[in-house]
Amino acid sequence: MTVNFLRRARKLIDTIDARFWDGNTARFWEVYPPDGRTAFVWPYQAAVGMCNAYLEARDDAEIRALLTKYLNGLDKYRAEAPPRHYDSAAEVGGDPFYDDNVWIASEFLRASECLNRPDLIADCREVMRYVYSGFDTNAGALAWKPAEPTLNACTNAPAAELSARLYLRTNNIEYLNWAKKLYAWCVDALYDKEAGCFFDHIRLDGTLDERKYPYNTGKMISAAVWLYRAADDEQYLRGAKRYARESAERFIKKEGGVCRLQPCPWFNMKLLRGYADLRAAAGEDWRGLFVEPAEQALRLARGKWGLYGNDWAAAPDRDSGYSLLEQAGFCECLCILAAIKR
């Protein structure tokens, strides 16, 4: 039987809103059941992303209303100092991270299209002014956070992608220059040619963190695709295809008839998003690699309250708590698969 990914995504969105959203205080809980912690801005923006993803697959007035509600709730995280940017924690502050702000800016751009709201493009551009202020001229890359001596793929790769997309929307050449510069730095500093994936980060003293996560490579696939569109340069498309092939071999495994991915659905979703971007640009379809793991997760990983564990190959072993980040990430995976199928 063919799985209706969009129907399952809609059901999960409803469950997330019912379980994680506190209507009395207009905030998300970090985990369910709530332990008193308000969600950090990282999982909060992931919930915005799942609504954008649903609307990219199918228009729905109720989801548009939900997206608007969540966008309004982001104000609790907004920092006072200009340019517009967001702290990591609501109301009490918390250090701002440049990568958090790239993710938020990306969701503003997507929401501007889903809701037909040009004002959100202006918000996106203003947040990116803040992100660009984190550029280390000596290192040639964006920092992870202010005064933090690390240069991360999770900041520079999505910033390269979003810069290319903003160039296509605004025709402002500065965005294309940023996209090329940040993308080139990631390739030069973080690409592991032997493994075919990207290292996590490098410190200013040259120390390399050699961990590899699917979202870093996924965002480099997306960055390469959007640079190909923006610059009309085949070298970027060749890069996207290479990263897709190599990441599939590393991050998606099948052992004993069971599909295994790294245990963070939001990270895996960014890799799937890269595959979707590549398919849209060049017709190269890696979607099938995620269909079976997603169907498997719907069968095996469902736990209490209609929520899902982060191991897609097994029933959750910790029904005491589910994180907003992993629920929203899995939901967006379902939306992407539904949109690609359509």
C-alpha atoms as a PDB file:
ATOM      1  CA  MET A   1       0.000   0.000   0.000  1.00  0.00           C
ATOM      2  CA  THR A   2       1.323   3.435  -0.962  1.00  0.00           C
ATOM      3  CA  VAL A   3       1.813   5.742   1.994  1.00  0.00           C
ATOM      4  CA  ASN A   4       0.125   9.140   1.801  1.00  0.00           C
ATOM      5  CA  PHE A   5       3.002  11.187   3.196  1.00  0.00           C
ATOM      6  CA  LEU A   6       1.101  14.471   3.159  1.00  0.00           C
ATOM      7  CA  ARG A   7      -1.830  13.065   5.110  1.00  0.00           C
ATOM      8  CA  ARG A   8       0.545  11.691   7.720  1.00  0.00           C
ATOM      9  CA  ALA A   9       2.375  15.032   7.839  1.00  0.00           C
ATOM     10  CA  ARG A  10      -0.877  16.909   8.424  1.00  0.00           C
ATOM     11  CA  LYS A  11      -1.765  14.594  11.268  1.00  0.00           C
ATOM     12  CA  LEU A  12       1.657  15.120  12.842  1.00  0.00           C
ATOM     13  CA  ILE A  13       1.387  18.919  12.497  1.00  0.00           C
ATOM     14  CA  ASP A  14      -1.910  18.795  14.362  1.00  0.00           C
ATOM     15  CA  THR A  15      -0.339  16.607  17.044  1.00  0.00           C
ATOM     16  CA  ILE A  16       2.667  18.909  17.431  1.00  0.00           C
ATOM     17  CA  ASP A  17       0.461  21.961  17.768  1.00  0.00           C
ATOM     18  CA  ALA A  18      -1.724  20.202  20.344  1.00  0.00           C
ATOM     19  CA  ARG A  19       1.142  18.770  22.395  1.00  0.00           C
ATOM     20  CA  PHE A  20       3.948  21.324  22.151  1.00  0.00           C
ATOM     21  CA  TRP A  21       2.191  24.675  21.715  1.00  0.00           C
ATOM     22  CA  ASP A  22       1.046  26.425  24.870  1.00  0.00           C
ATOM     23  CA  GLY A  23      -1.778  28.695  23.804  1.00  0.00           C
ATOM     24  CA  ASN A  24      -1.841  30.501  27.146  1.00  0.00           C
ATOM     25  CA  THR A  25       1.702  31.819  26.740  1.00  0.00           C
ATOM     26  CA  ALA A  26       2.020  31.555  22.926  1.00  0.00           C
ATOM     27  CA  ARG A  27       5.179  29.481  23.065  1.00  0.00           C
ATOM     28  CA  PHE A  28       6.470  26.016  22.228  1.00  0.00           C
ATOM     29  CA  TRP A  29       7.762  23.611  24.831  1.00  0.00           C
ATOM     30  CA  GLU A  30      11.212  22.185  24.197  1.00  0.00           C
ATOM     31  CA  VAL A  31       9.995  18.629  24.889  1.00  0.00           C
ATOM     32  CA  TYR A  32       6.751  16.776  25.419  1.00  0.00           C
ATOM     33  CA  PRO A  33       5.600  16.068  28.067  1.00  0.00           C
ATOM     34  CA  PRO A  34       6.664  19.591  29.108  1.00  0.00           C
ATOM     35  CA  ASP A  35       9.363  19.881  31.726  1.00  0.00           C
ATOM     36  CA  GLY A  36       9.048  23.639  32.063  1.00  0.00           C
ATOM     37  CA  ARG A  37      11.583  24.552  29.384  1.00  0.00           C
ATOM     38  CA  THR A  38      10.494  26.901  26.637  1.00  0.00           C
ATOM     39  CA  ALA A  39      11.793  25.825  23.241  1.00  0.00           C
ATOM     40  CA  PHE A  40      15.040  27.329  22.046  1.00  0.00           C
ATOM     41  CA  VAL A  41      14.815  29.247  18.808  1.00  0.00           C
ATOM     42  CA  TRP A  42      16.417  26.387  16.831  1.00  0.00           C
ATOM     43  CA  PRO A  43      13.515  23.946  17.317  1.00  0.00           C
ATOM     44  CA  TYR A  44      11.049  26.828  17.153  1.00  0.00           C
ATOM     45  CA  GLN A  45      12.145  27.741  13.627  1.00  0.00           C
ATOM     46  CA  ALA A  46      11.954  24.042  12.711  1.00  0.00           C
ATOM     47  CA  ALA A  47       8.224  24.181  13.488  1.00  0.00           C
ATOM     48  CA  VAL A  48       7.957  27.195  11.171  1.00  0.00           C
ATOM     49  CA  GLY A  49       9.805  25.143   8.559  1.00  0.00           C
ATOM     50  CA  MET A  50       7.411  22.214   8.719  1.00  0.00           C
ATOM     51  CA  CYS A  51       4.479  24.563   8.002  1.00  0.00           C
ATOM     52  CA  ASN A  52       6.339  26.096   5.067  1.00  0.00           C
ATOM     53  CA  ALA A  53       7.072  22.611   3.769  1.00  0.00           C
ATOM     54  CA  TYR A  54       3.436  21.577   4.001  1.00  0.00           C
ATOM     55  CA  LEU A  55       2.306  24.676   2.117  1.00  0.00           C
ATOM     56  CA  GLU A  56       4.949  24.060  -0.545  1.00  0.00           C
ATOM     57  CA  ALA A  57       3.256  20.715  -1.128  1.00  0.00           C
ATOM     58  CA  ARG A  58      -0.366  21.865  -0.837  1.00  0.00           C
ATOM     59  CA  ASP A  59      -2.092  25.126   0.002  1.00  0.00           C
ATOM     60  CA  ASP A  60      -4.198  24.943   3.146  1.00  0.00           C
ATOM     61  CA  ALA A  61      -5.878  27.855   4.925  1.00  0.00           C
ATOM     62  CA  GLU A  62      -5.523  26.265   8.360  1.00  0.00           C
ATOM     63  CA  ILE A  63      -1.796  25.680   7.916  1.00  0.00           C
ATOM     64  CA  ARG A  64      -1.375  29.240   6.644  1.00  0.00           C
ATOM     65  CA  ALA A  65      -3.030  30.454   9.840  1.00  0.00           C
ATOM     66  CA  LEU A  66      -0.795  28.188  11.905  1.00  0.00           C
ATOM     67  CA  LEU A  67       2.314  29.473  10.123  1.00  0.00           C
ATOM     68  CA  THR A  68       1.268  33.049  10.785  1.00  0.00           C
ATOM     69  CA  LYS A  69       0.776  32.246  14.472  1.00  0.00           C
ATOM     70  CA  TYR A  70       4.223  30.728  14.731  1.00  0.00           C
ATOM     71  CA  LEU A  71       5.856  33.626  12.876  1.00  0.00           C
ATOM     72  CA  ASN A  72       4.266  36.067  15.301  1.00  0.00           C
ATOM     73  CA  GLY A  73       5.563  34.014  18.225  1.00  0.00           C
ATOM     74  CA  LEU A  74       9.130  34.485  17.052  1.00  0.00           C
ATOM     75  CA  ASP A  75       9.000  38.014  18.439  1.00  0.00           C
ATOM     76  CA  LYS A  76       9.692  36.543  21.884  1.00  0.00           C
ATOM     77  CA  TYR A  77      13.198  35.711  20.662  1.00  0.00           C
ATOM     78  CA  ARG A  78      13.943  38.967  18.875  1.00  0.00           C
ATOM     79  CA  ALA A  79      16.973  40.821  20.208  1.00  0.00           C
ATOM     80  CA  GLU A  80      16.751  44.527  20.943  1.00  0.00           C
ATOM     81  CA  ALA A  81      19.928  45.629  19.171  1.00  0.00           C
ATOM     82  CA  PRO A  82      19.838  46.216  15.396  1.00  0.00           C
ATOM     83  CA  PRO A  83      20.070  44.861  12.816  1.00  0.00           C
ATOM     84  CA  ARG A  84      17.156  42.497  13.273  1.00  0.00           C
ATOM     85  CA  HIS A  85      18.230  39.172  14.740  1.00  0.00           C
ATOM     86  CA  TYR A  86      17.117  36.543  17.210  1.00  0.00           C
ATOM     87  CA  ASP A  87      18.501  35.250  20.493  1.00  0.00           C
ATOM     88  CA  SER A  88      18.746  31.545  21.187  1.00  0.00           C
ATOM     89  CA  ALA A  89      16.283  31.681  24.099  1.00  0.00           C
ATOM     90  CA  ALA A  90      12.964  33.490  24.474  1.00  0.00           C
ATOM     91  CA  GLU A  91      12.517  36.589  26.613  1.00  0.00           C
ATOM     92  CA  VAL A  92      15.458  35.855  28.925  1.00  0.00           C
ATOM     93  CA  GLY A  93      17.882  36.337  26.038  1.00  0.00           C
ATOM     94  CA  GLY A  94      20.607  33.807  25.461  1.00  0.00           C
ATOM     95  CA  ASP A  95      23.532  34.175  23.134  1.00  0.00           C
ATOM     96  CA  PRO A  96      22.546  34.691  19.499  1.00  0.00           C
ATOM     97  CA  PHE A  97      23.982  32.213  17.011  1.00  0.00           C
ATOM     98  CA  TYR A  98      24.632  33.108  13.402  1.00  0.00           C
ATOM     99  CA  ASP A  99      23.443  29.696  12.243  1.00  0.00           C
ATOM    100  CA  ASP A 100      20.106  30.073  14.091  1.00  0.00           C
ATOM    101  CA  ASN A 101      19.624  33.367  12.323  1.00  0.00           C
ATOM    102  CA  VAL A 102      20.393  31.890   8.901  1.00  0.00           C
ATOM    103  CA  TRP A 103      17.742  29.217   9.492  1.00  0.00           C
ATOM    104  CA  ILE A 104      15.230  31.883  10.557  1.00  0.00           C
ATOM    105  CA  ALA A 105      16.023  34.096   7.565  1.00  0.00           C
ATOM    106  CA  SER A 106      15.542  31.093   5.274  1.00  0.00           C
ATOM    107  CA  GLU A 107      12.110  30.424   6.769  1.00  0.00           C
ATOM    108  CA  PHE A 108      11.161  34.084   6.266  1.00  0.00           C
ATOM    109  CA  LEU A 109      11.969  33.767   2.566  1.00  0.00           C
ATOM    110  CA  ARG A 110       9.981  30.541   2.238  1.00  0.00           C
ATOM    111  CA  ALA A 111       7.049  31.992   4.193  1.00  0.00           C
ATOM    112  CA  SER A 112       7.031  35.083   1.974  1.00  0.00           C
ATOM    113  CA  GLU A 113       6.208  32.777  -0.921  1.00  0.00           C
ATOM    114  CA  CYS A 114       3.779  30.535   0.972  1.00  0.00           C
ATOM    115  CA  LEU A 115       1.830  33.468   2.435  1.00  0.00           C
ATOM    116  CA  ASN A 116       2.388  35.974  -0.399  1.00  0.00           C
ATOM    117  CA  ARG A 117       3.922  38.430   2.061  1.00  0.00           C
ATOM    118  CA  PRO A 118       6.686  40.597   0.545  1.00  0.00           C
ATOM    119  CA  ASP A 119       7.356  42.109   3.981  1.00  0.00           C
ATOM    120  CA  LEU A 120       8.954  38.829   5.010  1.00  0.00           C
ATOM    121  CA  ILE A 121      11.558  39.199   2.256  1.00  0.00           C
ATOM    122  CA  ALA A 122      12.575  42.488   3.875  1.00  0.00           C
ATOM    123  CA  ASP A 123      12.785  40.695   7.243  1.00  0.00           C
ATOM    124  CA  CYS A 124      14.933  37.987   5.667  1.00  0.00           C
ATOM    125  CA  ARG A 125      17.315  40.539   4.188  1.00  0.00           C
ATOM    126  CA  GLU A 126      17.638  42.405   7.479  1.00  0.00           C
ATOM    127  CA  VAL A 127      18.471  39.243   9.393  1.00  0.00           C
ATOM    128  CA  MET A 128      21.086  38.405   6.797  1.00  0.00           C
ATOM    129  CA  ARG A 129      22.694  41.804   7.421  1.00  0.00           C
ATOM    130  CA  TYR A 130      23.260  40.578  10.960  1.00  0.00           C
ATOM    131  CA  VAL A 131      24.581  37.220   9.739  1.00  0.00           C
ATOM    132  CA  TYR A 132      27.062  38.870   7.376  1.00  0.00           C
ATOM    133  CA  SER A 133      28.333  40.961  10.282  1.00  0.00           C
ATOM    134  CA  GLY A 134      29.782  37.707  11.648  1.00  0.00           C
ATOM    135  CA  PHE A 135      32.217  37.404   8.751  1.00  0.00           C
ATOM    136  CA  ASP A 136      35.802  36.890   9.867  1.00  0.00           C
ATOM    137  CA  THR A 137      37.883  38.680   7.263  1.00  0.00           C
ATOM    138  CA  ASN A 138      41.083  36.872   8.237  1.00  0.00           C
ATOM    139  CA  ALA A 139      39.537  33.424   8.024  1.00  0.00           C
ATOM    140  CA  GLY A 140      37.281  34.199   5.068  1.00  0.00           C
ATOM    141  CA  ALA A 141      34.140  32.703   6.610  1.00  0.00           C
ATOM    142  CA  LEU A 142      31.228  33.358   8.945  1.00  0.00           C
ATOM    143  CA  ALA A 143      31.631  32.598  12.622  1.00  0.00           C
ATOM    144  CA  TRP A 144      29.249  30.258  14.430  1.00  0.00           C
ATOM    145  CA  LYS A 145      28.382  32.884  17.047  1.00  0.00           C
ATOM    146  CA  PRO A 146      29.815  36.224  18.167  1.00  0.00           C
ATOM    147  CA  ALA A 147      33.183  35.895  19.897  1.00  0.00           C
ATOM    148  CA  GLU A 148      33.219  32.142  19.233  1.00  0.00           C
ATOM    149  CA  PRO A 149      36.440  30.934  17.581  1.00  0.00           C
ATOM    150  CA  THR A 150      34.821  28.346  15.300  1.00  0.00           C
ATOM    151  CA  LEU A 151      33.875  28.466  11.626  1.00  0.00           C
ATOM    152  CA  ASN A 152      31.070  25.997  10.953  1.00  0.00           C
ATOM    153  CA  ALA A 153      29.524  24.350   7.947  1.00  0.00           C
ATOM    154  CA  CYS A 154      26.111  24.828   9.580  1.00  0.00           C
ATOM    155  CA  THR A 155      26.475  28.604   9.269  1.00  0.00           C
ATOM    156  CA  ASN A 156      28.373  29.016   6.014  1.00  0.00           C
ATOM    157  CA  ALA A 157      26.621  26.411   3.835  1.00  0.00           C
ATOM    158  CA  PRO A 158      23.033  27.590   4.462  1.00  0.00           C
ATOM    159  CA  ALA A 159      24.190  31.214   4.215  1.00  0.00           C
ATOM    160  CA  ALA A 160      25.670  30.450   0.796  1.00  0.00           C
ATOM    161  CA  GLU A 161      22.408  28.863  -0.315  1.00  0.00           C
ATOM    162  CA  LEU A 162      20.212  31.664   0.994  1.00  0.00           C
ATOM    163  CA  SER A 163      22.490  34.307  -0.518  1.00  0.00           C
ATOM    164  CA  ALA A 164      22.107  32.684  -3.933  1.00  0.00           C
ATOM    165  CA  ARG A 165      18.342  32.578  -3.517  1.00  0.00           C
ATOM    166  CA  LEU A 166      18.254  36.233  -2.474  1.00  0.00           C
ATOM    167  CA  TYR A 167      20.253  37.155  -5.552  1.00  0.00           C
ATOM    168  CA  LEU A 168      17.632  35.468  -7.706  1.00  0.00           C
ATOM    169  CA  ARG A 169      14.873  37.379  -5.898  1.00  0.00           C
ATOM    170  CA  THR A 170      16.546  40.806  -5.800  1.00  0.00           C
ATOM    171  CA  ASN A 171      19.177  40.824  -8.565  1.00  0.00           C
ATOM    172  CA  ASN A 172      21.546  42.392  -6.026  1.00  0.00           C
ATOM    173  CA  ILE A 173      25.014  41.228  -7.048  1.00  0.00           C
ATOM    174  CA  GLU A 174      26.289  41.437  -3.466  1.00  0.00           C
ATOM    175  CA  TYR A 175      24.212  38.382  -2.590  1.00  0.00           C
ATOM    176  CA  LEU A 176      25.780  36.394  -5.406  1.00  0.00           C
ATOM    177  CA  ASN A 177      29.239  37.474  -4.255  1.00  0.00           C
ATOM    178  CA  TRP A 178      28.461  36.283  -0.719  1.00  0.00           C
ATOM    179  CA  ALA A 179      27.143  32.969  -2.030  1.00  0.00           C
ATOM    180  CA  LYS A 180      30.250  32.274  -4.094  1.00  0.00           C
ATOM    181  CA  LYS A 181      32.619  33.300  -1.296  1.00  0.00           C
ATOM    182  CA  LEU A 182      30.980  31.221   1.440  1.00  0.00           C
ATOM    183  CA  TYR A 183      30.516  28.183  -0.785  1.00  0.00           C
ATOM    184  CA  ALA A 184      34.162  28.278  -1.892  1.00  0.00           C
ATOM    185  CA  TRP A 185      35.321  28.504   1.722  1.00  0.00           C
ATOM    186  CA  CYS A 186      33.306  25.416   2.699  1.00  0.00           C
ATOM    187  CA  VAL A 187      34.805  23.423  -0.158  1.00  0.00           C
ATOM    188  CA  ASP A 188      38.355  24.580   0.530  1.00  0.00           C
ATOM    189  CA  ALA A 189      38.280  24.294   4.330  1.00  0.00           C
ATOM    190  CA  LEU A 190      35.773  21.564   5.207  1.00  0.00           C
ATOM    191  CA  TYR A 191      35.379  19.149   2.306  1.00  0.00           C
ATOM    192  CA  ASP A 192      36.802  15.689   2.979  1.00  0.00           C
ATOM    193  CA  LYS A 193      37.609  14.383  -0.480  1.00  0.00           C
ATOM    194  CA  GLU A 194      38.265  10.857   0.759  1.00  0.00           C
ATOM    195  CA  ALA A 195      34.951  10.504   2.570  1.00  0.00           C
ATOM    196  CA  GLY A 196      33.030  12.685   0.145  1.00  0.00           C
ATOM    197  CA  CYS A 197      31.371  14.721   2.913  1.00  0.00           C
ATOM    198  CA  PHE A 198      31.940  17.883   4.895  1.00  0.00           C
ATOM    199  CA  PHE A 199      33.620  18.227   8.272  1.00  0.00           C
ATOM    200  CA  ASP A 200      31.616  20.003  10.949  1.00  0.00           C
ATOM    201  CA  HIS A 201      33.849  22.974  11.737  1.00  0.00           C
ATOM    202  CA  ILE A 202      37.324  24.362  12.088  1.00  0.00           C
ATOM    203  CA  ARG A 203      38.651  26.539  14.901  1.00  0.00           C
ATOM    204  CA  LEU A 204      40.624  29.689  14.288  1.00  0.00           C
ATOM    205  CA  ASP A 205      43.742  27.902  15.547  1.00  0.00           C
ATOM    206  CA  GLY A 206      43.349  25.431  12.672  1.00  0.00           C
ATOM    207  CA  THR A 207      41.987  22.548  14.740  1.00  0.00           C
ATOM    208  CA  LEU A 208      39.522  20.564  12.644  1.00  0.00           C
ATOM    209  CA  ASP A 209      36.419  18.871  14.036  1.00  0.00           C
ATOM    210  CA  GLU A 210      36.153  15.872  11.753  1.00  0.00           C
ATOM    211  CA  ARG A 211      32.622  14.831  12.665  1.00  0.00           C
ATOM    212  CA  LYS A 212      30.281  14.600   9.692  1.00  0.00           C
ATOM    213  CA  TYR A 213      26.560  15.207   9.799  1.00  0.00           C
ATOM    214  CA  PRO A 214      24.030  14.804   6.992  1.00  0.00           C
ATOM    215  CA  TYR A 215      22.689  18.336   7.277  1.00  0.00           C
ATOM    216  CA  ASN A 216      26.048  19.924   6.474  1.00  0.00           C
ATOM    217  CA  THR A 217      26.386  17.978   3.247  1.00  0.00           C
ATOM    218  CA  GLY A 218      22.690  18.477   2.514  1.00  0.00           C
ATOM    219  CA  LYS A 219      23.050  22.229   2.724  1.00  0.00           C
ATOM    220  CA  MET A 220      26.090  22.129   0.449  1.00  0.00           C
ATOM    221  CA  ILE A 221      24.032  20.233  -2.127  1.00  0.00           C
ATOM    222  CA  SER A 222      21.370  22.942  -1.885  1.00  0.00           C
ATOM    223  CA  ALA A 223      23.970  25.721  -1.985  1.00  0.00           C
ATOM    224  CA  ALA A 224      25.527  24.247  -5.103  1.00  0.00           C
ATOM    225  CA  VAL A 225      22.143  23.871  -6.814  1.00  0.00           C
ATOM    226  CA  TRP A 226      21.089  27.439  -6.091  1.00  0.00           C
ATOM    227  CA  LEU A 227      24.475  28.776  -7.143  1.00  0.00           C
ATOM    228  CA  TYR A 228      24.098  26.856 -10.384  1.00  0.00           C
ATOM    229  CA  ARG A 229      20.763  28.589 -10.896  1.00  0.00           C
ATOM    230  CA  ALA A 230      22.102  32.000  -9.887  1.00  0.00           C
ATOM    231  CA  ALA A 231      25.471  31.962 -11.640  1.00  0.00           C
ATOM    232  CA  ASP A 232      24.553  29.680 -14.570  1.00  0.00           C
ATOM    233  CA  ASP A 233      27.790  27.793 -13.967  1.00  0.00           C
ATOM    234  CA  GLU A 234      27.933  24.045 -14.494  1.00  0.00           C
ATOM    235  CA  GLN A 235      30.710  23.570 -11.941  1.00  0.00           C
ATOM    236  CA  TYR A 236      28.172  24.040  -9.156  1.00  0.00           C
ATOM    237  CA  LEU A 237      25.795  21.458 -10.585  1.00  0.00           C
ATOM    238  CA  ARG A 238      28.655  18.978 -10.897  1.00  0.00           C
ATOM    239  CA  GLY A 239      29.461  19.612  -7.256  1.00  0.00           C
ATOM    240  CA  ALA A 240      25.859  19.060  -6.191  1.00  0.00           C
ATOM    241  CA  LYS A 241      25.711  15.741  -8.012  1.00  0.00           C
ATOM    242  CA  ARG A 242      28.993  14.606  -6.486  1.00  0.00           C
ATOM    243  CA  TYR A 243      27.933  15.500  -2.943  1.00  0.00           C
ATOM    244  CA  ALA A 244      24.596  13.724  -3.423  1.00  0.00           C
ATOM    245  CA  ARG A 245      26.237  10.532  -4.633  1.00  0.00           C
ATOM    246  CA  GLU A 246      28.843  10.515  -1.890  1.00  0.00           C
ATOM    247  CA  SER A 247      26.438  11.408   0.914  1.00  0.00           C
ATOM    248  CA  ALA A 248      24.041   8.644  -0.098  1.00  0.00           C
ATOM    249  CA  GLU A 249      26.812   6.120   0.321  1.00  0.00           C
ATOM    250  CA  ARG A 250      27.751   7.442   3.755  1.00  0.00           C
ATOM    251  CA  PHE A 251      24.547   8.458   5.498  1.00  0.00           C
ATOM    252  CA  ILE A 252      21.908   6.004   4.287  1.00  0.00           C
ATOM    253  CA  LYS A 253      22.568   2.398   5.226  1.00  0.00           C
ATOM    254  CA  LYS A 254      20.583  -0.815   4.995  1.00  0.00           C
ATOM    255  CA  GLU A 255      21.594  -3.598   7.346  1.00  0.00           C
ATOM    256  CA  GLY A 256      19.685  -6.832   7.689  1.00  0.00           C
ATOM    257  CA  GLY A 257      16.713  -5.417   5.846  1.00  0.00           C
ATOM    258  CA  VAL A 258      16.541  -2.364   8.129  1.00  0.00           C
ATOM    259  CA  CYS A 259      17.247   1.197   6.957  1.00  0.00           C
ATOM    260  CA  ARG A 260      19.481   3.183   9.279  1.00  0.00           C
ATOM    261  CA  LEU A 261      20.186   6.904   9.265  1.00  0.00           C
ATOM    262  CA  GLN A 262      21.846   9.150  11.805  1.00  0.00           C
ATOM    263  CA  PRO A 263      19.453   9.580  14.761  1.00  0.00           C
ATOM    264  CA  CYS A 264      18.350  13.165  14.179  1.00  0.00           C
ATOM    265  CA  PRO A 265      15.400  13.618  11.807  1.00  0.00           C
ATOM    266  CA  TRP A 266      16.045  17.348  11.387  1.00  0.00           C
ATOM    267  CA  PHE A 267      19.611  16.680  10.192  1.00  0.00           C
ATOM    268  CA  ASN A 268      18.351  13.995   7.818  1.00  0.00           C
ATOM    269  CA  MET A 269      15.645  16.329   6.540  1.00  0.00           C
ATOM    270  CA  LYS A 270      18.261  18.834   5.377  1.00  0.00           C
ATOM    271  CA  LEU A 271      19.961  16.096   3.368  1.00  0.00           C
ATOM    272  CA  LEU A 272      16.621  15.147   1.809  1.00  0.00           C
ATOM    273  CA  ARG A 273      16.007  18.815   1.043  1.00  0.00           C
ATOM    274  CA  GLY A 274      19.304  18.900  -0.823  1.00  0.00           C
ATOM    275  CA  TYR A 275      18.217  15.872  -2.863  1.00  0.00           C
ATOM    276  CA  ALA A 276      14.895  17.584  -3.621  1.00  0.00           C
ATOM    277  CA  ASP A 277      16.654  20.749  -4.784  1.00  0.00           C
ATOM    278  CA  LEU A 278      18.913  18.696  -7.058  1.00  0.00           C
ATOM    279  CA  ARG A 279      15.959  16.834  -8.514  1.00  0.00           C
ATOM    280  CA  ALA A 280      14.181  20.098  -9.293  1.00  0.00           C
ATOM    281  CA  ALA A 281      17.246  21.568 -10.993  1.00  0.00           C
ATOM    282  CA  ALA A 282      18.603  18.598 -12.901  1.00  0.00           C
ATOM    283  CA  GLY A 283      16.120  15.743 -12.688  1.00  0.00           C
ATOM    284  CA  GLU A 284      18.583  13.602 -10.747  1.00  0.00           C
ATOM    285  CA  ASP A 285      16.348  11.746  -8.332  1.00  0.00           C
ATOM    286  CA  TRP A 286      17.671  10.490  -4.996  1.00  0.00           C
ATOM    287  CA  ARG A 287      14.243  10.585  -3.370  1.00  0.00           C
ATOM    288  CA  GLY A 288      13.876   6.827  -3.363  1.00  0.00           C
ATOM    289  CA  LEU A 289      16.644   6.548  -0.788  1.00  0.00           C
ATOM    290  CA  PHE A 290      14.382   8.276   1.744  1.00  0.00           C
ATOM    291  CA  VAL A 291      11.042   6.679   0.893  1.00  0.00           C
ATOM    292  CA  GLU A 292      11.773   3.358   2.551  1.00  0.00           C
ATOM    293  CA  PRO A 293      13.300   4.864   5.741  1.00  0.00           C
ATOM    294  CA  ALA A 294      10.319   7.230   6.089  1.00  0.00           C
ATOM    295  CA  GLU A 295       7.793   4.443   5.596  1.00  0.00           C
ATOM    296  CA  GLN A 296       9.761   2.352   8.075  1.00  0.00           C
ATOM    297  CA  ALA A 297       9.667   5.194  10.631  1.00  0.00           C
ATOM    298  CA  LEU A 298       5.907   5.523  10.287  1.00  0.00           C
ATOM    299  CA  ARG A 299       5.599   1.807  11.067  1.00  0.00           C
ATOM    300  CA  LEU A 300       8.262   1.348  13.725  1.00  0.00           C
ATOM    301  CA  ALA A 301       9.165   4.656  15.359  1.00  0.00           C
ATOM    302  CA  ARG A 302       5.734   5.837  16.512  1.00  0.00           C
ATOM    303  CA  GLY A 303       5.446   6.112  20.258  1.00  0.00           C
ATOM    304  CA  LYS A 304       3.093   7.631  22.777  1.00  0.00           C
ATOM    305  CA  TRP A 305       0.906  10.616  21.965  1.00  0.00           C
ATOM    306  CA  GLY A 306       1.334  10.077  18.216  1.00  0.00           C
ATOM    307  CA  LEU A 307       4.953  11.282  18.335  1.00  0.00           C
ATOM    308  CA  TYR A 308       8.027   9.661  16.790  1.00  0.00           C
ATOM    309  CA  GLY A 309      11.427   8.630  18.052  1.00  0.00           C
ATOM    310  CA  ASN A 310      14.601   9.828  16.408  1.00  0.00           C
ATOM    311  CA  ASP A 311      15.682   6.274  15.512  1.00  0.00           C
ATOM    312  CA  TRP A 312      13.623   5.413  12.459  1.00  0.00           C
ATOM    313  CA  ALA A 313      14.409   1.718  12.800  1.00  0.00           C
ATOM    314  CA  ALA A 314      12.956   1.010  16.235  1.00  0.00           C
ATOM    315  CA  ALA A 315      10.196   1.863  18.670  1.00  0.00           C
ATOM    316  CA  PRO A 316      11.084   4.779  20.971  1.00  0.00           C
ATOM    317  CA  ASP A 317      12.750   3.627  24.165  1.00  0.00           C
ATOM    318  CA  ARG A 318      12.153   6.869  26.009  1.00  0.00           C
ATOM    319  CA  ASP A 319       8.465   7.624  26.097  1.00  0.00           C
ATOM    320  CA  SER A 320       9.184  10.099  28.870  1.00  0.00           C
ATOM    321  CA  GLY A 321      10.027  12.820  26.380  1.00  0.00           C
ATOM    322  CA  TYR A 322      10.087  13.815  22.712  1.00  0.00           C
ATOM    323  CA  SER A 323      11.834  16.893  21.358  1.00  0.00           C
ATOM    324  CA  LEU A 324      10.162  19.514  19.199  1.00  0.00           C
ATOM    325  CA  LEU A 325      13.177  19.532  16.869  1.00  0.00           C
ATOM    326  CA  GLU A 326      12.914  15.852  15.967  1.00  0.00           C
ATOM    327  CA  GLN A 327       9.123  15.969  15.511  1.00  0.00           C
ATOM    328  CA  ALA A 328       9.241  19.016  13.242  1.00  0.00           C
ATOM    329  CA  GLY A 329      12.180  17.557  11.321  1.00  0.00           C
ATOM    330  CA  PHE A 330      10.393  14.274  10.657  1.00  0.00           C
ATOM    331  CA  CYS A 331       7.233  16.116   9.667  1.00  0.00           C
ATOM    332  CA  GLU A 332       9.139  18.186   7.124  1.00  0.00           C
ATOM    333  CA  CYS A 333      10.663  15.006   5.701  1.00  0.00           C
ATOM    334  CA  LEU A 334       7.153  13.709   5.051  1.00  0.00           C
ATOM    335  CA  CYS A 335       6.178  17.000   3.400  1.00  0.00           C
ATOM    336  CA  ILE A 336       9.220  16.993   1.133  1.00  0.00           C
ATOM    337  CA  LEU A 337       8.533  13.438   0.031  1.00  0.00           C
ATOM    338  CA  ALA A 338       4.906  14.331  -0.667  1.00  0.00           C
ATOM    339  CA  ALA A 339       5.902  17.399  -2.683  1.00  0.00           C
ATOM    340  CA  ILE A 340       8.472  15.502  -4.736  1.00  0.00           C
ATOM    341  CA  LYS A 341       5.988  12.737  -5.433  1.00  0.00           C
ATOM    342  CA  ARG A 342       3.468  15.271  -6.657  1.00  0.00           C
END
